[in-house]
PDB file of N, CA and C in Angstrom:
ATOM      1  N   UNK A   1       0.856  -1.175   0.000  1.00  0.00           N
ATOM      2  CA  UNK A   1       0.000   0.000   0.000  1.00  0.00           C
ATOM      3  C   UNK A   1       0.901   1.237   0.000  1.00  0.00           C
ATOM      4  N   UNK A   2       0.568   2.184  -0.848  1.00  0.00           N
ATOM      5  CA  UNK A   2       1.399   3.369  -1.009  1.00  0.00           C
ATOM      6  C   UNK A   2       0.838   4.555  -0.235  1.00  0.00           C
ATOM      7  N   UNK A   3       1.710   5.502   0.035  1.00  0.00           N
ATOM      8  CA  UNK A   3       1.258   6.748   0.668  1.00  0.00           C
ATOM      9  C   UNK A   3       0.286   7.482  -0.252  1.00  0.00           C
ATOM     10  N   UNK A   4       0.500   7.364  -1.569  1.00  0.00           N
ATOM     11  CA  UNK A   4      -0.422   8.006  -2.521  1.00  0.00           C
ATOM     12  C   UNK A   4      -1.816   7.401  -2.376  1.00  0.00           C
ATOM     13  N   UNK A   5      -1.865   6.085  -2.188  1.00  0.00           N
ATOM     14  CA  UNK A   5      -3.151   5.414  -2.007  1.00  0.00           C
ATOM     15  C   UNK A   5      -3.862   5.892  -0.752  1.00  0.00           C
ATOM     16  N   UNK A   6      -3.098   6.078   0.315  1.00  0.00           N
ATOM     17  CA  UNK A   6      -3.669   6.562   1.575  1.00  0.00           C
ATOM     18  C   UNK A   6      -4.185   7.984   1.389  1.00  0.00           C
ATOM     19  N   UNK A   7      -3.394   8.819   0.721  1.00  0.00           N
ATOM     20  CA  UNK A   7      -3.815  10.209   0.497  1.00  0.00           C
ATOM     21  C   UNK A   7      -5.030  10.288  -0.413  1.00  0.00           C
ATOM     22  N   UNK A   8      -5.106   9.369  -1.365  1.00  0.00           N
ATOM     23  CA  UNK A   8      -6.282   9.311  -2.241  1.00  0.00           C
ATOM     24  C   UNK A   8      -7.532   8.994  -1.416  1.00  0.00           C
ATOM     25  N   UNK A   9      -7.408   8.057  -0.492  1.00  0.00           N
ATOM     26  CA  UNK A   9      -8.525   7.712   0.396  1.00  0.00           C
ATOM     27  C   UNK A   9      -8.909   8.919   1.259  1.00  0.00           C
ATOM     28  N   UNK A  10      -7.907   9.637   1.762  1.00  0.00           N
ATOM     29  CA  UNK A  10      -8.162  10.822   2.585  1.00  0.00           C
ATOM     30  C   UNK A  10      -8.961  11.851   1.782  1.00  0.00           C
ATOM     31  N   UNK A  11      -8.548  12.077   0.545  1.00  0.00           N
ATOM     32  CA  UNK A  11      -9.229  13.054  -0.314  1.00  0.00           C
ATOM     33  C   UNK A  11     -10.669  12.634  -0.573  1.00  0.00           C
ATOM     34  N   UNK A  12     -10.877  11.352  -0.913  1.00  0.00           N
ATOM     35  CA  UNK A  12     -12.236  10.860  -1.177  1.00  0.00           C
ATOM     36  C   UNK A  12     -13.106  10.973   0.075  1.00  0.00           C
ATOM     37  N   UNK A  13     -12.551  10.598   1.209  1.00  0.00           N
ATOM     38  CA  UNK A  13     -13.317  10.653   2.459  1.00  0.00           C
ATOM     39  C   UNK A  13     -13.653  12.097   2.816  1.00  0.00           C
ATOM     40  N   UNK A  14     -12.709  13.001   2.638  1.00  0.00           N
ATOM     41  CA  UNK A  14     -12.934  14.412   2.950  1.00  0.00           C
ATOM     42  C   UNK A  14     -14.034  14.989   2.057  1.00  0.00           C
ATOM     43  N   UNK A  15     -13.975  14.666   0.764  1.00  0.00           N
ATOM     44  CA  UNK A  15     -14.984  15.169  -0.179  1.00  0.00           C
ATOM     45  C   UNK A  15     -16.369  14.617   0.163  1.00  0.00           C
ATOM     46  N   UNK A  16     -16.426  13.330   0.482  1.00  0.00           N
ATOM     47  CA  UNK A  16     -17.700  12.720   0.838  1.00  0.00           C
ATOM     48  C   UNK A  16     -18.259  13.348   2.108  1.00  0.00           C
ATOM     49  N   UNK A  17     -17.406  13.510   3.102  1.00  0.00           N
ATOM     50  CA  UNK A  17     -17.844  14.097   4.376  1.00  0.00           C
ATOM     51  C   UNK A  17     -18.406  15.496   4.152  1.00  0.00           C
ATOM     52  N   UNK A  18     -17.722  16.277   3.350  1.00  0.00           N
ATOM     53  CA  UNK A  18     -18.166  17.643   3.080  1.00  0.00           C
ATOM     54  C   UNK A  18     -19.529  17.640   2.394  1.00  0.00           C
ATOM     55  N   UNK A  19     -19.684  16.758   1.415  1.00  0.00           N
ATOM     56  CA  UNK A  19     -20.940  16.657   0.666  1.00  0.00           C
ATOM     57  C   UNK A  19     -22.103  16.271   1.582  1.00  0.00           C
ATOM     58  N   UNK A  20     -21.848  15.388   2.545  1.00  0.00           N
ATOM     59  CA  UNK A  20     -22.899  14.881   3.427  1.00  0.00           C
ATOM     60  C   UNK A  20     -23.068  15.690   4.713  1.00  0.00           C
ATOM     61  N   UNK A  21     -22.176  16.650   4.952  1.00  0.00           N
ATOM     62  CA  UNK A  21     -22.274  17.435   6.179  1.00  0.00           C
ATOM     63  C   UNK A  21     -21.653  16.747   7.378  1.00  0.00           C
ATOM     64  N   UNK A  22     -20.707  15.833   7.138  1.00  0.00           N
ATOM     65  CA  UNK A  22     -19.982  15.153   8.207  1.00  0.00           C
ATOM     66  C   UNK A  22     -18.595  15.773   8.337  1.00  0.00           C
ATOM     67  N   UNK A  23     -17.865  15.333   9.322  1.00  0.00           N
ATOM     68  CA  UNK A  23     -16.450  15.682   9.450  1.00  0.00           C
ATOM     69  C   UNK A  23     -15.672  14.385   9.621  1.00  0.00           C
ATOM     70  N   UNK A  24     -14.397  14.432   9.260  1.00  0.00           N
ATOM     71  CA  UNK A  24     -13.539  13.272   9.475  1.00  0.00           C
ATOM     72  C   UNK A  24     -13.058  13.262  10.918  1.00  0.00           C
ATOM     73  N   UNK A  25     -12.656  12.108  11.385  1.00  0.00           N
ATOM     74  CA  UNK A  25     -12.115  11.955  12.735  1.00  0.00           C
ATOM     75  C   UNK A  25     -10.971  12.954  12.930  1.00  0.00           C
ATOM     76  N   UNK A  26     -11.015  13.713  14.007  1.00  0.00           N
ATOM     77  CA  UNK A  26      -9.973  14.708  14.270  1.00  0.00           C
ATOM     78  C   UNK A  26      -8.732  14.072  14.897  1.00  0.00           C
ATOM     79  N   UNK A  27      -8.853  12.823  15.344  1.00  0.00           N
ATOM     80  CA  UNK A  27      -7.713  12.102  15.893  1.00  0.00           C
ATOM     81  C   UNK A  27      -6.915  11.534  14.711  1.00  0.00           C
ATOM     82  N   UNK A  28      -5.779  12.162  14.419  1.00  0.00           N
ATOM     83  CA  UNK A  28      -4.999  11.776  13.239  1.00  0.00           C
ATOM     84  C   UNK A  28      -4.568  10.320  13.249  1.00  0.00           C
ATOM     85  N   UNK A  29      -4.252   9.795  14.426  1.00  0.00           N
ATOM     86  CA  UNK A  29      -3.798   8.403  14.520  1.00  0.00           C
ATOM     87  C   UNK A  29      -4.928   7.443  14.135  1.00  0.00           C
ATOM     88  N   UNK A  30      -6.124   7.650  14.700  1.00  0.00           N
ATOM     89  CA  UNK A  30      -7.275   6.803  14.368  1.00  0.00           C
ATOM     90  C   UNK A  30      -7.646   6.952  12.894  1.00  0.00           C
ATOM     91  N   UNK A  31      -7.645   8.179  12.411  1.00  0.00           N
ATOM     92  CA  UNK A  31      -7.989   8.443  11.014  1.00  0.00           C
ATOM     93  C   UNK A  31      -7.014   7.724  10.087  1.00  0.00           C
ATOM     94  N   UNK A  32      -5.745   7.807  10.394  1.00  0.00           N
ATOM     95  CA  UNK A  32      -4.721   7.179   9.570  1.00  0.00           C
ATOM     96  C   UNK A  32      -4.894   5.662   9.509  1.00  0.00           C
ATOM     97  N   UNK A  33      -5.238   5.041  10.632  1.00  0.00           N
ATOM     98  CA  UNK A  33      -5.438   3.591  10.667  1.00  0.00           C
ATOM     99  C   UNK A  33      -6.578   3.190   9.716  1.00  0.00           C
ATOM    100  N   UNK A  34      -7.673   3.919   9.766  1.00  0.00           N
ATOM    101  CA  UNK A  34      -8.821   3.592   8.907  1.00  0.00           C
ATOM    102  C   UNK A  34      -8.482   3.841   7.437  1.00  0.00           C
ATOM    103  N   UNK A  35      -7.845   4.967   7.138  1.00  0.00           N
ATOM    104  CA  UNK A  35      -7.488   5.276   5.749  1.00  0.00           C
ATOM    105  C   UNK A  35      -6.520   4.244   5.190  1.00  0.00           C
ATOM    106  N   UNK A  36      -5.569   3.806   6.006  1.00  0.00           N
ATOM    107  CA  UNK A  36      -4.621   2.770   5.579  1.00  0.00           C
ATOM    108  C   UNK A  36      -5.351   1.451   5.307  1.00  0.00           C
ATOM    109  N   UNK A  37      -6.305   1.123   6.158  1.00  0.00           N
ATOM    110  CA  UNK A  37      -7.091  -0.091   5.954  1.00  0.00           C
ATOM    111  C   UNK A  37      -7.888  -0.041   4.663  1.00  0.00           C
ATOM    112  N   UNK A  38      -8.472   1.114   4.378  1.00  0.00           N
ATOM    113  CA  UNK A  38      -9.232   1.277   3.134  1.00  0.00           C
ATOM    114  C   UNK A  38      -8.320   1.149   1.920  1.00  0.00           C
ATOM    115  N   UNK A  39      -7.163   1.811   1.979  1.00  0.00           N
ATOM    116  CA  UNK A  39      -6.209   1.759   0.863  1.00  0.00           C
ATOM    117  C   UNK A  39      -5.693   0.333   0.661  1.00  0.00           C
ATOM    118  N   UNK A  40      -5.419  -0.364   1.751  1.00  0.00           N
ATOM    119  CA  UNK A  40      -4.936  -1.746   1.678  1.00  0.00           C
ATOM    120  C   UNK A  40      -6.000  -2.650   1.034  1.00  0.00           C
ATOM    121  N   UNK A  41      -7.255  -2.486   1.456  1.00  0.00           N
ATOM    122  CA  UNK A  41      -8.334  -3.300   0.893  1.00  0.00           C
ATOM    123  C   UNK A  41      -8.545  -3.011  -0.587  1.00  0.00           C
ATOM    124  N   UNK A  42      -8.428  -1.750  -0.967  1.00  0.00           N
ATOM    125  CA  UNK A  42      -8.563  -1.384  -2.378  1.00  0.00           C
ATOM    126  C   UNK A  42      -7.465  -2.060  -3.189  1.00  0.00           C
ATOM    127  N   UNK A  43      -6.253  -2.019  -2.673  1.00  0.00           N
ATOM    128  CA  UNK A  43      -5.120  -2.623  -3.371  1.00  0.00           C
ATOM    129  C   UNK A  43      -5.246  -4.150  -3.435  1.00  0.00           C
ATOM    130  N   UNK A  44      -5.616  -4.762  -2.330  1.00  0.00           N
ATOM    131  CA  UNK A  44      -5.683  -6.234  -2.251  1.00  0.00           C
ATOM    132  C   UNK A  44      -6.898  -6.831  -2.937  1.00  0.00           C
ATOM    133  N   UNK A  45      -8.045  -6.186  -2.750  1.00  0.00           N
ATOM    134  CA  UNK A  45      -9.313  -6.792  -3.176  1.00  0.00           C
ATOM    135  C   UNK A  45     -10.032  -6.033  -4.278  1.00  0.00           C
ATOM    136  N   UNK A  46      -9.499  -4.861  -4.668  1.00  0.00           N
ATOM    137  CA  UNK A  46     -10.100  -4.109  -5.759  1.00  0.00           C
ATOM    138  C   UNK A  46     -11.247  -3.202  -5.354  1.00  0.00           C
ATOM    139  N   UNK A  47     -11.531  -3.131  -4.053  1.00  0.00           N
ATOM    140  CA  UNK A  47     -12.587  -2.239  -3.555  1.00  0.00           C
ATOM    141  C   UNK A  47     -12.196  -1.771  -2.161  1.00  0.00           C
ATOM    142  N   UNK A  48     -12.632  -0.567  -1.816  1.00  0.00           N
ATOM    143  CA  UNK A  48     -12.300   0.017  -0.506  1.00  0.00           C
ATOM    144  C   UNK A  48     -13.284  -0.500   0.542  1.00  0.00           C
ATOM    145  N   UNK A  49     -13.146  -1.787   0.855  1.00  0.00           N
ATOM    146  CA  UNK A  49     -14.015  -2.390   1.867  1.00  0.00           C
ATOM    147  C   UNK A  49     -13.705  -1.771   3.226  1.00  0.00           C
ATOM    148  N   UNK A  50     -14.753  -1.555   3.982  1.00  0.00           N
ATOM    149  CA  UNK A  50     -14.626  -1.041   5.337  1.00  0.00           C
ATOM    150  C   UNK A  50     -13.664  -1.950   6.111  1.00  0.00           C
ATOM    151  N   UNK A  51     -12.579  -1.398   6.659  1.00  0.00           N
ATOM    152  CA  UNK A  51     -11.612  -2.243   7.358  1.00  0.00           C
ATOM    153  C   UNK A  51     -12.122  -2.731   8.718  1.00  0.00           C
ATOM    154  N   UNK A  52     -13.241  -2.216   9.148  1.00  0.00           N
ATOM    155  CA  UNK A  52     -13.778  -2.561  10.469  1.00  0.00           C
ATOM    156  C   UNK A  52     -14.861  -3.640  10.381  1.00  0.00           C
ATOM    157  N   UNK A  53     -15.100  -4.132   9.193  1.00  0.00           N
ATOM    158  CA  UNK A  53     -16.131  -5.150   9.010  1.00  0.00           C
ATOM    159  C   UNK A  53     -15.530  -6.364   8.314  1.00  0.00           C
ATOM    160  N   UNK A  54     -16.114  -7.525   8.574  1.00  0.00           N
ATOM    161  CA  UNK A  54     -15.606  -8.765   7.979  1.00  0.00           C
ATOM    162  C   UNK A  54     -16.169  -8.961   6.587  1.00  0.00           C
ATOM    163  N   UNK A  55     -15.278  -9.233   5.644  1.00  0.00           N
ATOM    164  CA  UNK A  55     -15.706  -9.567   4.283  1.00  0.00           C
ATOM    165  C   UNK A  55     -16.114 -11.027   4.255  1.00  0.00           C
ATOM    166  N   UNK A  56     -17.120 -11.339   3.462  1.00  0.00           N
ATOM    167  CA  UNK A  56     -17.541 -12.735   3.306  1.00  0.00           C
ATOM    168  C   UNK A  56     -16.684 -13.418   2.243  1.00  0.00           C
ATOM    169  N   UNK A  57     -16.092 -12.608   1.361  1.00  0.00           N
ATOM    170  CA  UNK A  57     -15.343 -13.159   0.240  1.00  0.00           C
ATOM    171  C   UNK A  57     -16.168 -13.195  -1.035  1.00  0.00           C
ATOM    172  N   UNK A  58     -17.473 -12.974  -0.902  1.00  0.00           N
ATOM    173  CA  UNK A  58     -18.375 -12.922  -2.055  1.00  0.00           C
ATOM    174  C   UNK A  58     -18.526 -11.452  -2.453  1.00  0.00           C
ATOM    175  N   UNK A  59     -17.935 -11.057  -3.586  1.00  0.00           N
ATOM    176  CA  UNK A  59     -17.973  -9.639  -3.982  1.00  0.00           C
ATOM    177  C   UNK A  59     -19.383  -9.055  -4.040  1.00  0.00           C
ATOM    178  N   UNK A  60     -20.360  -9.868  -4.429  1.00  0.00           N
ATOM    179  CA  UNK A  60     -21.743  -9.379  -4.518  1.00  0.00           C
ATOM    180  C   UNK A  60     -22.287  -9.056  -3.129  1.00  0.00           C
ATOM    181  N   UNK A  61     -22.094  -9.961  -2.178  1.00  0.00           N
ATOM    182  CA  UNK A  61     -22.545  -9.736  -0.798  1.00  0.00           C
ATOM    183  C   UNK A  61     -21.762  -8.602  -0.139  1.00  0.00           C
ATOM    184  N   UNK A  62     -20.474  -8.511  -0.458  1.00  0.00           N
ATOM    185  CA  UNK A  62     -19.603  -7.544   0.215  1.00  0.00           C
ATOM    186  C   UNK A  62     -19.753  -6.115  -0.306  1.00  0.00           C
ATOM    187  N   UNK A  63     -20.538  -5.922  -1.366  1.00  0.00           N
ATOM    188  CA  UNK A  63     -20.764  -4.566  -1.885  1.00  0.00           C
ATOM    189  C   UNK A  63     -21.257  -3.624  -0.789  1.00  0.00           C
ATOM    190  N   UNK A  64     -22.035  -4.162   0.147  1.00  0.00           N
ATOM    191  CA  UNK A  64     -22.642  -3.320   1.182  1.00  0.00           C
ATOM    192  C   UNK A  64     -21.625  -2.775   2.183  1.00  0.00           C
ATOM    193  N   UNK A  65     -20.406  -3.332   2.179  1.00  0.00           N
ATOM    194  CA  UNK A  65     -19.403  -2.821   3.115  1.00  0.00           C
ATOM    195  C   UNK A  65     -18.283  -2.046   2.419  1.00  0.00           C
ATOM    196  N   UNK A  66     -18.529  -1.656   1.171  1.00  0.00           N
ATOM    197  CA  UNK A  66     -17.580  -0.754   0.508  1.00  0.00           C
ATOM    198  C   UNK A  66     -17.828   0.637   1.083  1.00  0.00           C
ATOM    199  N   UNK A  67     -16.754   1.280   1.495  1.00  0.00           N
ATOM    200  CA  UNK A  67     -16.846   2.594   2.148  1.00  0.00           C
ATOM    201  C   UNK A  67     -17.325   3.646   1.158  1.00  0.00           C
ATOM    202  N   UNK A  68     -18.283   4.464   1.525  1.00  0.00           N
ATOM    203  CA  UNK A  68     -19.048   4.438   2.762  1.00  0.00           C
ATOM    204  C   UNK A  68     -20.080   3.309   2.733  1.00  0.00           C
ATOM    205  N   UNK A  69     -20.066   2.486   3.757  1.00  0.00           N
ATOM    206  CA  UNK A  69     -20.919   1.301   3.809  1.00  0.00           C
ATOM    207  C   UNK A  69     -22.389   1.684   4.015  1.00  0.00           C
ATOM    208  N   UNK A  70     -23.266   0.708   3.855  1.00  0.00           N
ATOM    209  CA  UNK A  70     -24.700   1.001   3.981  1.00  0.00           C
ATOM    210  C   UNK A  70     -25.104   1.351   5.413  1.00  0.00           C
ATOM    211  N   UNK A  71     -24.269   1.046   6.359  1.00  0.00           N
ATOM    212  CA  UNK A  71     -24.613   1.260   7.764  1.00  0.00           C
ATOM    213  C   UNK A  71     -24.256   2.655   8.288  1.00  0.00           C
ATOM    214  N   UNK A  72     -23.373   3.363   7.587  1.00  0.00           N
ATOM    215  CA  UNK A  72     -22.777   4.567   8.170  1.00  0.00           C
ATOM    216  C   UNK A  72     -23.774   5.675   8.515  1.00  0.00           C
ATOM    217  N   UNK A  73     -24.761   5.908   7.669  1.00  0.00           N
ATOM    218  CA  UNK A  73     -25.682   7.022   7.931  1.00  0.00           C
ATOM    219  C   UNK A  73     -26.474   6.806   9.216  1.00  0.00           C
ATOM    220  N   UNK A  74     -26.984   5.592   9.395  1.00  0.00           N
ATOM    221  CA  UNK A  74     -27.743   5.281  10.608  1.00  0.00           C
ATOM    222  C   UNK A  74     -26.839   5.350  11.849  1.00  0.00           C
ATOM    223  N   UNK A  75     -25.618   4.829  11.720  1.00  0.00           N
ATOM    224  CA  UNK A  75     -24.682   4.872  12.848  1.00  0.00           C
ATOM    225  C   UNK A  75     -24.339   6.306  13.242  1.00  0.00           C
ATOM    226  N   UNK A  76     -24.105   7.144  12.245  1.00  0.00           N
ATOM    227  CA  UNK A  76     -23.769   8.545  12.530  1.00  0.00           C
ATOM    228  C   UNK A  76     -24.961   9.232  13.189  1.00  0.00           C
ATOM    229  N   UNK A  77     -26.148   8.944  12.695  1.00  0.00           N
ATOM    230  CA  UNK A  77     -27.359   9.545  13.262  1.00  0.00           C
ATOM    231  C   UNK A  77     -27.552   9.114  14.716  1.00  0.00           C
ATOM    232  N   UNK A  78     -27.367   7.828  14.988  1.00  0.00           N
ATOM    233  CA  UNK A  78     -27.619   7.297  16.327  1.00  0.00           C
ATOM    234  C   UNK A  78     -26.461   7.494  17.305  1.00  0.00           C
ATOM    235  N   UNK A  79     -25.220   7.349  16.806  1.00  0.00           N
ATOM    236  CA  UNK A  79     -24.058   7.350  17.692  1.00  0.00           C
ATOM    237  C   UNK A  79     -23.136   8.547  17.514  1.00  0.00           C
ATOM    238  N   UNK A  80     -23.406   9.353  16.486  1.00  0.00           N
ATOM    239  CA  UNK A  80     -22.565  10.520  16.241  1.00  0.00           C
ATOM    240  C   UNK A  80     -21.330  10.207  15.419  1.00  0.00           C
ATOM    241  N   UNK A  81     -21.137   8.921  15.065  1.00  0.00           N
ATOM    242  CA  UNK A  81     -19.990   8.510  14.247  1.00  0.00           C
ATOM    243  C   UNK A  81     -20.295   7.159  13.628  1.00  0.00           C
ATOM    244  N   UNK A  82     -19.550   6.843  12.574  1.00  0.00           N
ATOM    245  CA  UNK A  82     -19.704   5.512  11.989  1.00  0.00           C
ATOM    246  C   UNK A  82     -18.846   4.518  12.773  1.00  0.00           C
ATOM    247  N   UNK A  83     -19.103   3.247  12.536  1.00  0.00           N
ATOM    248  CA  UNK A  83     -18.435   2.159  13.257  1.00  0.00           C
ATOM    249  C   UNK A  83     -16.909   2.281  13.211  1.00  0.00           C
ATOM    250  N   UNK A  84     -16.372   2.679  12.071  1.00  0.00           N
ATOM    251  CA  UNK A  84     -14.912   2.790  11.893  1.00  0.00           C
ATOM    252  C   UNK A  84     -14.322   4.044  12.543  1.00  0.00           C
ATOM    253  N   UNK A  85     -15.187   4.949  12.929  1.00  0.00           N
ATOM    254  CA  UNK A  85     -14.738   6.246  13.442  1.00  0.00           C
ATOM    255  C   UNK A  85     -14.042   7.070  12.357  1.00  0.00           C
ATOM    256  N   UNK A  86     -14.524   6.924  11.142  1.00  0.00           N
ATOM    257  CA  UNK A  86     -14.012   7.719  10.033  1.00  0.00           C
ATOM    258  C   UNK A  86     -14.831   8.997   9.908  1.00  0.00           C
ATOM    259  N   UNK A  87     -16.153   8.837   9.822  1.00  0.00           N
ATOM    260  CA  UNK A  87     -17.059   9.973   9.675  1.00  0.00           C
ATOM    261  C   UNK A  87     -17.759  10.273  10.991  1.00  0.00           C
ATOM    262  N   UNK A  88     -17.838  11.564  11.310  1.00  0.00           N
ATOM    263  CA  UNK A  88     -18.510  12.020  12.523  1.00  0.00           C
ATOM    264  C   UNK A  88     -19.560  13.054  12.164  1.00  0.00           C
ATOM    265  N   UNK A  89     -20.583  13.112  12.996  1.00  0.00           N
ATOM    266  CA  UNK A  89     -21.602  14.142  12.858  1.00  0.00           C
ATOM    267  C   UNK A  89     -20.961  15.477  13.238  1.00  0.00           C
ATOM    268  N   UNK A  90     -21.268  16.500  12.471  1.00  0.00           N
ATOM    269  CA  UNK A  90     -20.767  17.832  12.829  1.00  0.00           C
ATOM    270  C   UNK A  90     -21.391  18.259  14.140  1.00  0.00           C
ATOM    271  N   UNK A  91     -20.602  18.865  14.995  1.00  0.00           N
ATOM    272  CA  UNK A  91     -21.130  19.382  16.259  1.00  0.00           C
ATOM    273  C   UNK A  91     -21.991  20.608  15.979  1.00  0.00           C
ATOM    274  N   UNK A  92     -23.123  20.689  16.648  1.00  0.00           N
ATOM    275  CA  UNK A  92     -23.973  21.881  16.509  1.00  0.00           C
ATOM    276  C   UNK A  92     -23.300  23.037  17.214  1.00  0.00           C
ATOM    277  N   UNK A  93     -23.401  24.189  16.595  1.00  0.00           N
ATOM    278  CA  UNK A  93     -22.729  25.352  17.200  1.00  0.00           C
ATOM    279  C   UNK A  93     -23.710  26.191  17.980  1.00  0.00           C
TER     280      UNK A  93
END
C-alpha cells in the first residue's frame, strides 16, 4: 500500500464528508489507521471495503461494506460517528 493510495482515500473521504455534512475523525492516529485499511483493501481486493467489518469473500454480498458502507448514515445519526470512526456528525454550534 502506497502513501499516494492513503492520500487518495483521505481526499475521497474528505470530499464525501463535506458533501454529506460530516467531518472526518480529528484524531490523526485513528484516522490514519482507517485510511490505511481502506487503501490496503482497495489494493488487495479491488474495492475500498470497510476495514472494520468482515468480508464474506463474495464480492456481490460484500458490496454493502464498501466505504461508505450502507450502515454509516444510521450509525452517525444514532451514535454521532460511523463504526470505523471515520465519519462524525458535525457538532452543533
